[in-house]
C-alpha atoms as a PDB file:
ATOM      1  CA  UNK A   1       0.000   0.000   0.000  1.00  0.00           C
ATOM      2  CA  UNK A   2       1.487   3.372  -0.987  1.00  0.00           C
ATOM      3  CA  UNK A   3       1.465   6.477   1.202  1.00  0.00           C
ATOM      4  CA  UNK A   4      -1.599   8.052  -0.439  1.00  0.00           C
ATOM      5  CA  UNK A   5      -3.569   4.833   0.040  1.00  0.00           C
ATOM      6  CA  UNK A   6      -2.432   4.639   3.674  1.00  0.00           C
ATOM      7  CA  UNK A   7      -3.601   8.221   4.220  1.00  0.00           C
ATOM      8  CA  UNK A   8      -7.023   7.535   2.678  1.00  0.00           C
ATOM      9  CA  UNK A   9      -7.454   4.337   4.669  1.00  0.00           C
ATOM     10  CA  UNK A  10      -6.472   6.013   7.958  1.00  0.00           C
ATOM     11  CA  UNK A  11      -8.766   8.992   7.382  1.00  0.00           C
ATOM     12  CA  UNK A  12     -11.771   6.806   6.619  1.00  0.00           C
ATOM     13  CA  UNK A  13     -11.231   4.950   9.899  1.00  0.00           C
ATOM     14  CA  UNK A  14     -10.600   8.156  11.846  1.00  0.00           C
ATOM     15  CA  UNK A  15     -13.330  10.563  10.660  1.00  0.00           C
ATOM     16  CA  UNK A  16     -16.689  10.711   8.903  1.00  0.00           C
ATOM     17  CA  UNK A  17     -15.561  12.167   5.573  1.00  0.00           C
ATOM     18  CA  UNK A  18     -19.101  13.302   4.689  1.00  0.00           C
ATOM     19  CA  UNK A  19     -19.182  15.848   7.536  1.00  0.00           C
ATOM     20  CA  UNK A  20     -15.852  17.613   6.959  1.00  0.00           C
ATOM     21  CA  UNK A  21     -13.981  19.659   4.365  1.00  0.00           C
ATOM     22  CA  UNK A  22     -10.600  18.248   3.346  1.00  0.00           C
ATOM     23  CA  UNK A  23      -8.054  20.584   1.763  1.00  0.00           C
ATOM     24  CA  UNK A  24      -4.510  20.031   0.544  1.00  0.00           C
ATOM     25  CA  UNK A  25      -1.611  21.611   2.453  1.00  0.00           C
ATOM     26  CA  UNK A  26       1.154  21.835  -0.119  1.00  0.00           C
ATOM     27  CA  UNK A  27       3.752  23.047   2.420  1.00  0.00           C
ATOM     28  CA  UNK A  28       3.568  19.675   4.245  1.00  0.00           C
ATOM     29  CA  UNK A  29       4.379  16.296   2.656  1.00  0.00           C
ATOM     30  CA  UNK A  30       1.026  14.686   1.765  1.00  0.00           C
ATOM     31  CA  UNK A  31      -0.561  17.322   4.036  1.00  0.00           C
ATOM     32  CA  UNK A  32      -4.316  17.486   4.522  1.00  0.00           C
ATOM     33  CA  UNK A  33      -6.400  19.836   6.655  1.00  0.00           C
ATOM     34  CA  UNK A  34      -9.661  18.288   7.822  1.00  0.00           C
ATOM     35  CA  UNK A  35     -12.116  20.922   9.092  1.00  0.00           C
ATOM     36  CA  UNK A  36     -15.566  20.443  10.577  1.00  0.00           C
ATOM     37  CA  UNK A  37     -18.463  22.902  10.197  1.00  0.00           C
ATOM     38  CA  UNK A  38     -17.650  24.584  13.554  1.00  0.00           C
ATOM     39  CA  UNK A  39     -14.150  25.571  12.362  1.00  0.00           C
ATOM     40  CA  UNK A  40     -12.229  23.009  14.396  1.00  0.00           C
ATOM     41  CA  UNK A  41      -9.658  21.105  12.403  1.00  0.00           C
ATOM     42  CA  UNK A  42      -6.927  18.525  12.375  1.00  0.00           C
ATOM     43  CA  UNK A  43      -3.894  18.336  10.131  1.00  0.00           C
ATOM     44  CA  UNK A  44      -2.519  15.036   8.852  1.00  0.00           C
ATOM     45  CA  UNK A  45       0.799  14.760   7.030  1.00  0.00           C
ATOM     46  CA  UNK A  46       3.799  12.519   6.392  1.00  0.00           C
ATOM     47  CA  UNK A  47       6.690  13.105   8.791  1.00  0.00           C
ATOM     48  CA  UNK A  48       9.909  12.177   6.965  1.00  0.00           C
ATOM     49  CA  UNK A  49      12.002  11.746  10.143  1.00  0.00           C
ATOM     50  CA  UNK A  50       9.597   9.134  11.542  1.00  0.00           C
ATOM     51  CA  UNK A  51       8.570   7.812   8.110  1.00  0.00           C
ATOM     52  CA  UNK A  52       4.974   7.756   9.339  1.00  0.00           C
ATOM     53  CA  UNK A  53       1.784   9.725   9.045  1.00  0.00           C
ATOM     54  CA  UNK A  54       1.258  12.140  11.943  1.00  0.00           C
ATOM     55  CA  UNK A  55      -1.606  14.377  13.006  1.00  0.00           C
ATOM     56  CA  UNK A  56      -2.243  17.453  15.108  1.00  0.00           C
ATOM     57  CA  UNK A  57      -5.213  19.604  16.068  1.00  0.00           C
ATOM     58  CA  UNK A  58      -6.221  23.261  15.978  1.00  0.00           C
ATOM     59  CA  UNK A  59      -4.256  25.129  18.626  1.00  0.00           C
ATOM     60  CA  UNK A  60      -1.719  22.296  18.981  1.00  0.00           C
ATOM     61  CA  UNK A  61       0.215  22.725  15.723  1.00  0.00           C
ATOM     62  CA  UNK A  62       3.578  22.466  17.508  1.00  0.00           C
ATOM     63  CA  UNK A  63       2.696  18.973  18.805  1.00  0.00           C
ATOM     64  CA  UNK A  64       1.964  15.922  16.706  1.00  0.00           C
ATOM     65  CA  UNK A  65       0.859  12.336  17.247  1.00  0.00           C
ATOM     66  CA  UNK A  66       1.704   9.215  15.242  1.00  0.00           C
ATOM     67  CA  UNK A  67      -1.134   7.907  13.127  1.00  0.00           C
ATOM     68  CA  UNK A  68      -1.018   4.115  13.152  1.00  0.00           C
ATOM     69  CA  UNK A  69      -2.208   2.624   9.899  1.00  0.00           C
END
């Protein structure tokens, strides 16, 4: 499974994709911003040092968590 497929698979398990807006973040490798209607959001991207997908939340952009796929 390639990285894009891993990202799609992880997001489908993690969120209801019909209730959010997903936008590309070109400044992050494979970066996606997932925002809900209230304006809260999470950011998911590939972290090259860990060679894994990571995520963070609004207001916590300086902290990230490993996304296990």
